[in-house]
Amino acid sequence: MGRLKFFRINSCTFSVSGRHIKGAPSGTGDIVVELGPNGKYIEIEVKSESGKQSKKQRENQKEVESLGGVYILARSIIDVENRLKPLMFNEDR
C-alpha cells in the first residue's frame, strides 16, 4: 500500500564472531510500524490468546502511548487490522 513500513524488532543479546550485540531494550514491541506520511509511531506486541505482558512490556506500552504513539496488543491479525484501519484513513489520530 506504500503507506506503512514494518520492522521486526529483536530485544535480545546475541553473539557474532565473538562480539556481543544487544538488540532493542526489554519490553519493546515485537513489530514497529511507521504510518506515512505523518510518521505515526506504532508498536505491536504479539501474544497468544492466553499470553500476558511482562512488567517491562506494560511500562513500554505506557511510555509509547504517553508520547502520542499507538500500542497494539495483538492476539490475532484482526486486532491489528481493527487498530490500523482507522489510523490509515484518518492520519490526524
Protein backbone atom coordinates (compact mmCIF):
# COMPACT_ATOMS: atom_id res chain seq x y z
CA MET A 1 0.00 0.00 0.00
CA GLY A 2 3.03 2.25 0.25
CA ARG A 3 1.79 3.88 3.45
CA LEU A 4 3.18 1.53 6.09
CA LYS A 5 6.68 0.41 6.99
CA PHE A 6 7.00 -2.64 9.25
CA PHE A 7 10.13 -3.61 11.19
CA ARG A 8 10.60 -6.82 13.18
CA ILE A 9 12.36 -5.95 16.44
CA ASN A 10 14.75 -8.21 18.36
CA SER A 11 15.09 -7.48 22.07
CA CYS A 12 17.82 -9.90 22.98
CA THR A 13 21.57 -10.25 23.17
CA PHE A 14 23.43 -12.36 20.63
CA SER A 15 26.98 -13.01 19.54
CA VAL A 16 28.51 -12.57 16.12
CA SER A 17 32.15 -13.54 15.65
CA GLY A 18 32.72 -13.29 19.41
CA ARG A 19 31.16 -9.82 19.60
CA HIS A 20 28.10 -9.38 21.85
CA ILE A 21 25.31 -7.33 20.31
CA LYS A 22 22.27 -6.09 22.22
CA GLY A 23 19.01 -5.63 20.39
CA ALA A 24 16.19 -3.33 21.46
CA PRO A 25 15.54 -2.78 25.17
CA SER A 26 13.46 -5.37 27.03
CA GLY A 27 9.76 -4.64 26.73
CA THR A 28 9.94 -3.23 23.20
CA GLY A 29 7.09 -4.44 20.98
CA ASP A 30 7.71 -7.26 18.51
CA ILE A 31 6.91 -5.12 15.47
CA VAL A 32 7.37 -1.39 14.89
CA VAL A 33 5.26 0.31 12.24
CA GLU A 34 5.66 3.74 10.69
CA LEU A 35 2.49 5.14 9.17
CA GLY A 36 3.26 7.69 6.48
CA PRO A 37 3.23 10.41 5.50
CA ASN A 38 2.94 11.85 9.03
CA GLY A 39 5.25 9.21 10.56
CA LYS A 40 2.84 7.96 13.25
CA TYR A 41 4.76 5.55 15.54
CA ILE A 42 3.10 2.21 16.26
CA GLU A 43 4.34 -0.79 18.26
CA ILE A 44 2.71 -4.20 18.06
CA GLU A 45 3.20 -6.78 20.80
CA VAL A 46 2.18 -10.24 19.58
CA LYS A 47 0.70 -12.58 22.17
CA SER A 48 -1.18 -15.85 22.13
CA GLU A 49 -4.77 -15.90 23.36
CA SER A 50 -3.55 -16.61 26.90
CA GLY A 51 -0.23 -14.72 26.74
CA LYS A 52 0.41 -11.95 29.27
CA GLN A 53 2.51 -8.82 29.02
CA SER A 54 5.57 -8.64 31.22
CA LYS A 55 6.04 -5.70 33.59
CA LYS A 56 8.54 -4.15 31.14
CA GLN A 57 6.07 -4.54 28.27
CA ARG A 58 3.33 -2.77 30.26
CA GLU A 59 5.77 0.02 31.15
CA ASN A 60 6.77 0.34 27.49
CA GLN A 61 3.11 0.49 26.44
CA LYS A 62 2.52 3.40 28.82
CA GLU A 63 5.59 5.21 27.51
CA VAL A 64 4.65 4.76 23.85
CA GLU A 65 1.10 5.98 24.48
CA SER A 66 2.23 8.92 26.64
CA LEU A 67 4.40 10.12 23.74
CA GLY A 68 1.47 10.00 21.30
CA GLY A 69 2.31 6.63 19.76
CA VAL A 70 -0.05 3.71 19.28
CA TYR A 71 0.49 0.40 21.06
CA ILE A 72 -1.35 -2.69 19.87
CA LEU A 73 -1.57 -5.84 21.96
CA ALA A 74 -2.34 -8.30 19.18
CA ARG A 75 -3.75 -11.74 19.78
CA SER A 76 -4.84 -12.04 16.14
CA ILE A 77 -4.44 -10.24 12.83
CA ILE A 78 -7.97 -8.91 13.38
CA ASP A 79 -6.69 -6.93 16.41
CA VAL A 80 -4.07 -5.29 14.21
CA GLU A 81 -6.48 -4.57 11.36
CA ASN A 82 -9.04 -3.04 13.72
CA ARG A 83 -6.47 -0.60 15.14
CA LEU A 84 -4.65 0.23 11.88
CA LYS A 85 -7.64 0.85 9.60
CA PRO A 86 -8.86 3.99 11.40
CA LEU A 87 -5.30 5.36 11.51
CA MET A 88 -4.78 4.80 7.79
CA PHE A 89 -7.90 6.71 6.84
CA ASN A 90 -7.65 9.47 9.46
CA GLU A 91 -3.99 10.31 9.89
CA ASP A 92 -4.70 13.07 12.41
CA ARG A 93 -5.30 10.42 15.10
